[in-house]
Amino acid sequence: MTDDDVDAVAEIRVGGWRTAYRGLVPDRYLDAMDPLADAAAHRARRSSPAYPMAELVAESPLDGVIGWACLGPSRDEDLPAPAGELYALYVRPALVGTGVGRALCAGVLERARERGDARLGLWVLRENARARRFYARAGFTADGAERVDPVDGEPVVEVRYVRGL
């Protein structure tokens, strides 16, 4: 990913949230999401010298950036080191199910191995059945860990998936 990709990534991320999480998080939160604000915040994070994340994009010759994934060090102290975390993986909503997500996931796994991670964890909304099936097919397994992450004041339960590398 380059700085030139940030605007497209923001559109993909906001579109992904609005499509995948409708009915799972408050509509008012989804409707208030702003790709321009998301891009500005993303640029600010990327400009930090302490930015520990690796970002990958999937591109199409016709459509430019069509998917995005972000990984870095695990934030979970109970996951044995060395461990990484897949923070996000989004595909243009119209392209879900076309293999773009699988290609991005394969790239993430390769990058995590290059970083020296022995395992990779991720958090997914408990009620997001489609994403849970996707990660299970990619070799991730729910390990029993759960957390509540409030979204716009509403509790949203996430479950952790982990896979060895």
C-alpha atoms as a PDB file:
ATOM      1  CA  MET A   1       0.000   0.000   0.000  1.00  0.00           C
ATOM      2  CA  THR A   2       1.149   3.511  -0.724  1.00  0.00           C
ATOM      3  CA  ASP A   3      -0.049   6.895   0.503  1.00  0.00           C
ATOM      4  CA  ASP A   4      -1.823   7.299  -2.834  1.00  0.00           C
ATOM      5  CA  ASP A   5      -4.073   4.342  -1.908  1.00  0.00           C
ATOM      6  CA  VAL A   6      -5.445   5.873   1.306  1.00  0.00           C
ATOM      7  CA  ASP A   7      -8.577   7.453  -0.217  1.00  0.00           C
ATOM      8  CA  ALA A   8      -9.568   4.220  -1.989  1.00  0.00           C
ATOM      9  CA  VAL A   9      -8.902   2.227   1.181  1.00  0.00           C
ATOM     10  CA  ALA A  10     -11.132   4.576   3.194  1.00  0.00           C
ATOM     11  CA  GLU A  11     -13.965   4.069   0.695  1.00  0.00           C
ATOM     12  CA  ILE A  12     -13.491   0.290   0.893  1.00  0.00           C
ATOM     13  CA  ARG A  13     -13.361   0.278   4.690  1.00  0.00           C
ATOM     14  CA  VAL A  14     -16.459   2.446   5.120  1.00  0.00           C
ATOM     15  CA  GLY A  15     -18.327   0.486   2.440  1.00  0.00           C
ATOM     16  CA  GLY A  16     -17.270  -2.761   4.091  1.00  0.00           C
ATOM     17  CA  TRP A  17     -18.529  -1.637   7.478  1.00  0.00           C
ATOM     18  CA  ARG A  18     -21.833  -0.439   6.064  1.00  0.00           C
ATOM     19  CA  THR A  19     -22.389  -3.701   4.213  1.00  0.00           C
ATOM     20  CA  ALA A  20     -21.028  -6.302   6.629  1.00  0.00           C
ATOM     21  CA  TYR A  21     -22.130  -4.759   9.913  1.00  0.00           C
ATOM     22  CA  ARG A  22     -25.620  -3.452   9.045  1.00  0.00           C
ATOM     23  CA  GLY A  23     -27.903  -4.909  11.694  1.00  0.00           C
ATOM     24  CA  LEU A  24     -24.920  -5.866  13.889  1.00  0.00           C
ATOM     25  CA  VAL A  25     -23.887  -2.384  15.027  1.00  0.00           C
ATOM     26  CA  PRO A  26     -26.066   0.718  15.335  1.00  0.00           C
ATOM     27  CA  ASP A  27     -27.210   2.111  11.987  1.00  0.00           C
ATOM     28  CA  ARG A  28     -26.581   5.648  13.243  1.00  0.00           C
ATOM     29  CA  TYR A  29     -22.885   4.791  13.605  1.00  0.00           C
ATOM     30  CA  LEU A  30     -22.658   3.294  10.113  1.00  0.00           C
ATOM     31  CA  ASP A  31     -24.563   6.164   8.538  1.00  0.00           C
ATOM     32  CA  ALA A  32     -22.271   8.714  10.211  1.00  0.00           C
ATOM     33  CA  MET A  33     -19.076   7.114   8.893  1.00  0.00           C
ATOM     34  CA  ASP A  34     -17.250   9.510   6.575  1.00  0.00           C
ATOM     35  CA  PRO A  35     -14.670   8.253   4.070  1.00  0.00           C
ATOM     36  CA  LEU A  36     -12.932  11.669   4.013  1.00  0.00           C
ATOM     37  CA  ALA A  37     -12.515  11.685   7.800  1.00  0.00           C
ATOM     38  CA  ASP A  38     -11.436   8.035   7.709  1.00  0.00           C
ATOM     39  CA  ALA A  39      -8.778   8.841   5.111  1.00  0.00           C
ATOM     40  CA  ALA A  40      -7.495  11.818   7.124  1.00  0.00           C
ATOM     41  CA  ALA A  41      -7.194   9.692  10.272  1.00  0.00           C
ATOM     42  CA  HIS A  42      -5.476   6.945   8.290  1.00  0.00           C
ATOM     43  CA  ARG A  43      -2.940   9.393   6.845  1.00  0.00           C
ATOM     44  CA  ALA A  44      -2.190  10.701  10.342  1.00  0.00           C
ATOM     45  CA  ARG A  45      -1.583   7.164  11.654  1.00  0.00           C
ATOM     46  CA  ARG A  46       0.622   6.264   8.679  1.00  0.00           C
ATOM     47  CA  SER A  47       2.769   9.356   9.183  1.00  0.00           C
ATOM     48  CA  SER A  48       3.705   8.328  12.732  1.00  0.00           C
ATOM     49  CA  PRO A  49       7.255   6.929  12.979  1.00  0.00           C
ATOM     50  CA  ALA A  50       5.895   4.386  15.476  1.00  0.00           C
ATOM     51  CA  TYR A  51       3.322   2.973  13.014  1.00  0.00           C
ATOM     52  CA  PRO A  52       3.855  -0.799  13.459  1.00  0.00           C
ATOM     53  CA  MET A  53       1.458  -2.052  10.814  1.00  0.00           C
ATOM     54  CA  ALA A  54       1.889  -3.616   7.420  1.00  0.00           C
ATOM     55  CA  GLU A  55      -0.818  -2.825   4.900  1.00  0.00           C
ATOM     56  CA  LEU A  56      -1.596  -4.717   1.721  1.00  0.00           C
ATOM     57  CA  VAL A  57      -3.910  -3.788  -1.124  1.00  0.00           C
ATOM     58  CA  ALA A  58      -5.457  -5.858  -3.886  1.00  0.00           C
ATOM     59  CA  GLU A  59      -5.657  -4.063  -7.199  1.00  0.00           C
ATOM     60  CA  SER A  60      -7.470  -4.551 -10.464  1.00  0.00           C
ATOM     61  CA  PRO A  61      -6.203  -3.050 -13.729  1.00  0.00           C
ATOM     62  CA  LEU A  62      -9.681  -1.665 -14.401  1.00  0.00           C
ATOM     63  CA  ASP A  63     -10.810  -0.647 -10.914  1.00  0.00           C
ATOM     64  CA  GLY A  64      -7.621   0.212  -9.016  1.00  0.00           C
ATOM     65  CA  VAL A  65      -7.645  -0.703  -5.323  1.00  0.00           C
ATOM     66  CA  ILE A  66     -10.351  -3.286  -4.622  1.00  0.00           C
ATOM     67  CA  GLY A  67      -9.297  -4.637  -1.223  1.00  0.00           C
ATOM     68  CA  TRP A  68      -7.195  -3.834   1.825  1.00  0.00           C
ATOM     69  CA  ALA A  69      -5.720  -5.699   4.780  1.00  0.00           C
ATOM     70  CA  CYS A  70      -3.763  -4.487   7.789  1.00  0.00           C
ATOM     71  CA  LEU A  71      -1.672  -6.535  10.209  1.00  0.00           C
ATOM     72  CA  GLY A  72       0.833  -5.944  12.962  1.00  0.00           C
ATOM     73  CA  PRO A  73       1.863  -7.112  16.402  1.00  0.00           C
ATOM     74  CA  SER A  74      -0.764  -8.853  18.508  1.00  0.00           C
ATOM     75  CA  ARG A  75      -2.416  -6.643  21.099  1.00  0.00           C
ATOM     76  CA  ASP A  76      -3.435  -9.689  23.154  1.00  0.00           C
ATOM     77  CA  GLU A  77      -1.092 -10.383  26.039  1.00  0.00           C
ATOM     78  CA  ASP A  78      -2.488 -13.901  26.489  1.00  0.00           C
ATOM     79  CA  LEU A  79      -1.541 -14.995  22.955  1.00  0.00           C
ATOM     80  CA  PRO A  80       1.892 -16.654  23.124  1.00  0.00           C
ATOM     81  CA  ALA A  81       4.614 -14.708  21.334  1.00  0.00           C
ATOM     82  CA  PRO A  82       5.653 -14.321  18.643  1.00  0.00           C
ATOM     83  CA  ALA A  83       2.151 -13.484  17.499  1.00  0.00           C
ATOM     84  CA  GLY A  84       0.705 -11.095  14.987  1.00  0.00           C
ATOM     85  CA  GLU A  85      -2.794  -9.767  14.538  1.00  0.00           C
ATOM     86  CA  LEU A  86      -4.906  -9.224  11.471  1.00  0.00           C
ATOM     87  CA  TYR A  87      -6.499  -5.897  12.331  1.00  0.00           C
ATOM     88  CA  ALA A  88      -8.647  -5.547   9.228  1.00  0.00           C
ATOM     89  CA  LEU A  89      -9.482  -7.139   5.896  1.00  0.00           C
ATOM     90  CA  TYR A  90     -12.025  -5.488   3.606  1.00  0.00           C
ATOM     91  CA  VAL A  91     -13.000  -5.937  -0.039  1.00  0.00           C
ATOM     92  CA  ARG A  92     -15.219  -3.718  -2.165  1.00  0.00           C
ATOM     93  CA  PRO A  93     -18.692  -4.994  -1.266  1.00  0.00           C
ATOM     94  CA  ALA A  94     -19.574  -5.850  -4.879  1.00  0.00           C
ATOM     95  CA  LEU A  95     -16.501  -8.110  -5.053  1.00  0.00           C
ATOM     96  CA  VAL A  96     -17.086 -10.156  -1.886  1.00  0.00           C
ATOM     97  CA  GLY A  97     -16.973 -13.839  -2.811  1.00  0.00           C
ATOM     98  CA  THR A  98     -14.793 -13.369  -5.910  1.00  0.00           C
ATOM     99  CA  GLY A  99     -11.465 -14.472  -4.387  1.00  0.00           C
ATOM    100  CA  VAL A 100     -10.094 -11.013  -3.583  1.00  0.00           C
ATOM    101  CA  GLY A 101     -10.397 -11.643   0.163  1.00  0.00           C
ATOM    102  CA  ARG A 102      -8.701 -15.036  -0.142  1.00  0.00           C
ATOM    103  CA  ALA A 103      -5.813 -13.464  -2.054  1.00  0.00           C
ATOM    104  CA  LEU A 104      -5.438 -10.739   0.568  1.00  0.00           C
ATOM    105  CA  CYS A 105      -5.557 -13.323   3.363  1.00  0.00           C
ATOM    106  CA  ALA A 106      -2.824 -15.347   1.655  1.00  0.00           C
ATOM    107  CA  GLY A 107      -0.710 -12.195   1.433  1.00  0.00           C
ATOM    108  CA  VAL A 108      -1.308 -11.445   5.103  1.00  0.00           C
ATOM    109  CA  LEU A 109      -0.223 -14.952   6.124  1.00  0.00           C
ATOM    110  CA  GLU A 110       2.942 -14.620   4.035  1.00  0.00           C
ATOM    111  CA  ARG A 111       3.732 -11.211   5.534  1.00  0.00           C
ATOM    112  CA  ALA A 112       3.137 -12.531   9.083  1.00  0.00           C
ATOM    113  CA  ARG A 113       5.577 -15.390   8.445  1.00  0.00           C
ATOM    114  CA  GLU A 114       8.138 -12.899   7.104  1.00  0.00           C
ATOM    115  CA  ARG A 115       7.689 -10.854  10.311  1.00  0.00           C
ATOM    116  CA  GLY A 116       8.548 -13.993  12.297  1.00  0.00           C
ATOM    117  CA  ASP A 117       5.106 -14.567  13.774  1.00  0.00           C
ATOM    118  CA  ALA A 118       4.341 -18.130  14.848  1.00  0.00           C
ATOM    119  CA  ARG A 119       0.603 -17.469  14.977  1.00  0.00           C
ATOM    120  CA  LEU A 120      -1.880 -14.893  13.807  1.00  0.00           C
ATOM    121  CA  GLY A 121      -4.978 -13.803  15.685  1.00  0.00           C
ATOM    122  CA  LEU A 122      -7.952 -11.680  14.709  1.00  0.00           C
ATOM    123  CA  TRP A 123     -11.195 -10.450  16.228  1.00  0.00           C
ATOM    124  CA  VAL A 124     -14.523 -10.810  14.436  1.00  0.00           C
ATOM    125  CA  LEU A 125     -18.054  -9.861  15.445  1.00  0.00           C
ATOM    126  CA  ARG A 126     -19.700 -12.898  17.013  1.00  0.00           C
ATOM    127  CA  GLU A 127     -22.824 -12.350  14.900  1.00  0.00           C
ATOM    128  CA  ASN A 128     -20.917 -11.936  11.608  1.00  0.00           C
ATOM    129  CA  ALA A 129     -21.491 -15.462  10.310  1.00  0.00           C
ATOM    130  CA  ARG A 130     -20.129 -14.745   6.834  1.00  0.00           C
ATOM    131  CA  ALA A 131     -16.780 -13.469   8.130  1.00  0.00           C
ATOM    132  CA  ARG A 132     -16.534 -16.324  10.620  1.00  0.00           C
ATOM    133  CA  ARG A 133     -16.998 -18.849   7.771  1.00  0.00           C
ATOM    134  CA  PHE A 134     -14.389 -17.000   5.699  1.00  0.00           C
ATOM    135  CA  TYR A 135     -11.776 -17.142   8.461  1.00  0.00           C
ATOM    136  CA  ALA A 136     -12.577 -20.781   9.279  1.00  0.00           C
ATOM    137  CA  ARG A 137     -11.997 -21.712   5.619  1.00  0.00           C
ATOM    138  CA  ALA A 138      -8.666 -19.844   5.819  1.00  0.00           C
ATOM    139  CA  GLY A 139      -7.555 -22.099   8.689  1.00  0.00           C
ATOM    140  CA  PHE A 140      -8.419 -19.881  11.652  1.00  0.00           C
ATOM    141  CA  THR A 141     -10.179 -21.380  14.671  1.00  0.00           C
ATOM    142  CA  ALA A 142     -12.166 -19.672  17.414  1.00  0.00           C
ATOM    143  CA  ASP A 143     -10.129 -20.127  20.591  1.00  0.00           C
ATOM    144  CA  GLY A 144     -12.869 -19.279  23.095  1.00  0.00           C
ATOM    145  CA  ALA A 145     -11.741 -15.717  23.844  1.00  0.00           C
ATOM    146  CA  GLU A 146     -14.444 -13.056  23.691  1.00  0.00           C
ATOM    147  CA  ARG A 147     -14.542  -9.336  24.338  1.00  0.00           C
ATOM    148  CA  VAL A 148     -17.159  -6.631  24.308  1.00  0.00           C
ATOM    149  CA  ASP A 149     -16.311  -3.628  22.183  1.00  0.00           C
ATOM    150  CA  PRO A 150     -18.840  -0.794  22.444  1.00  0.00           C
ATOM    151  CA  VAL A 151     -19.860   0.788  19.146  1.00  0.00           C
ATOM    152  CA  ASP A 152     -21.709   4.077  19.544  1.00  0.00           C
ATOM    153  CA  GLY A 153     -22.587   3.104  23.098  1.00  0.00           C
ATOM    154  CA  GLU A 154     -23.975  -0.321  22.162  1.00  0.00           C
ATOM    155  CA  PRO A 155     -22.144  -3.478  23.321  1.00  0.00           C
ATOM    156  CA  VAL A 156     -20.857  -5.606  20.440  1.00  0.00           C
ATOM    157  CA  VAL A 157     -19.378  -9.015  21.189  1.00  0.00           C
ATOM    158  CA  GLU A 158     -16.286 -10.133  19.300  1.00  0.00           C
ATOM    159  CA  VAL A 159     -14.679 -13.572  19.251  1.00  0.00           C
ATOM    160  CA  ARG A 160     -11.020 -14.297  18.638  1.00  0.00           C
ATOM    161  CA  TYR A 161      -9.798 -16.589  15.896  1.00  0.00           C
ATOM    162  CA  VAL A 162      -6.203 -17.851  15.745  1.00  0.00           C
ATOM    163  CA  ARG A 163      -4.145 -19.945  13.362  1.00  0.00           C
ATOM    164  CA  GLY A 164      -0.590 -21.191  13.400  1.00  0.00           C
ATOM    165  CA  LEU A 165       1.807 -20.160  10.655  1.00  0.00           C
END
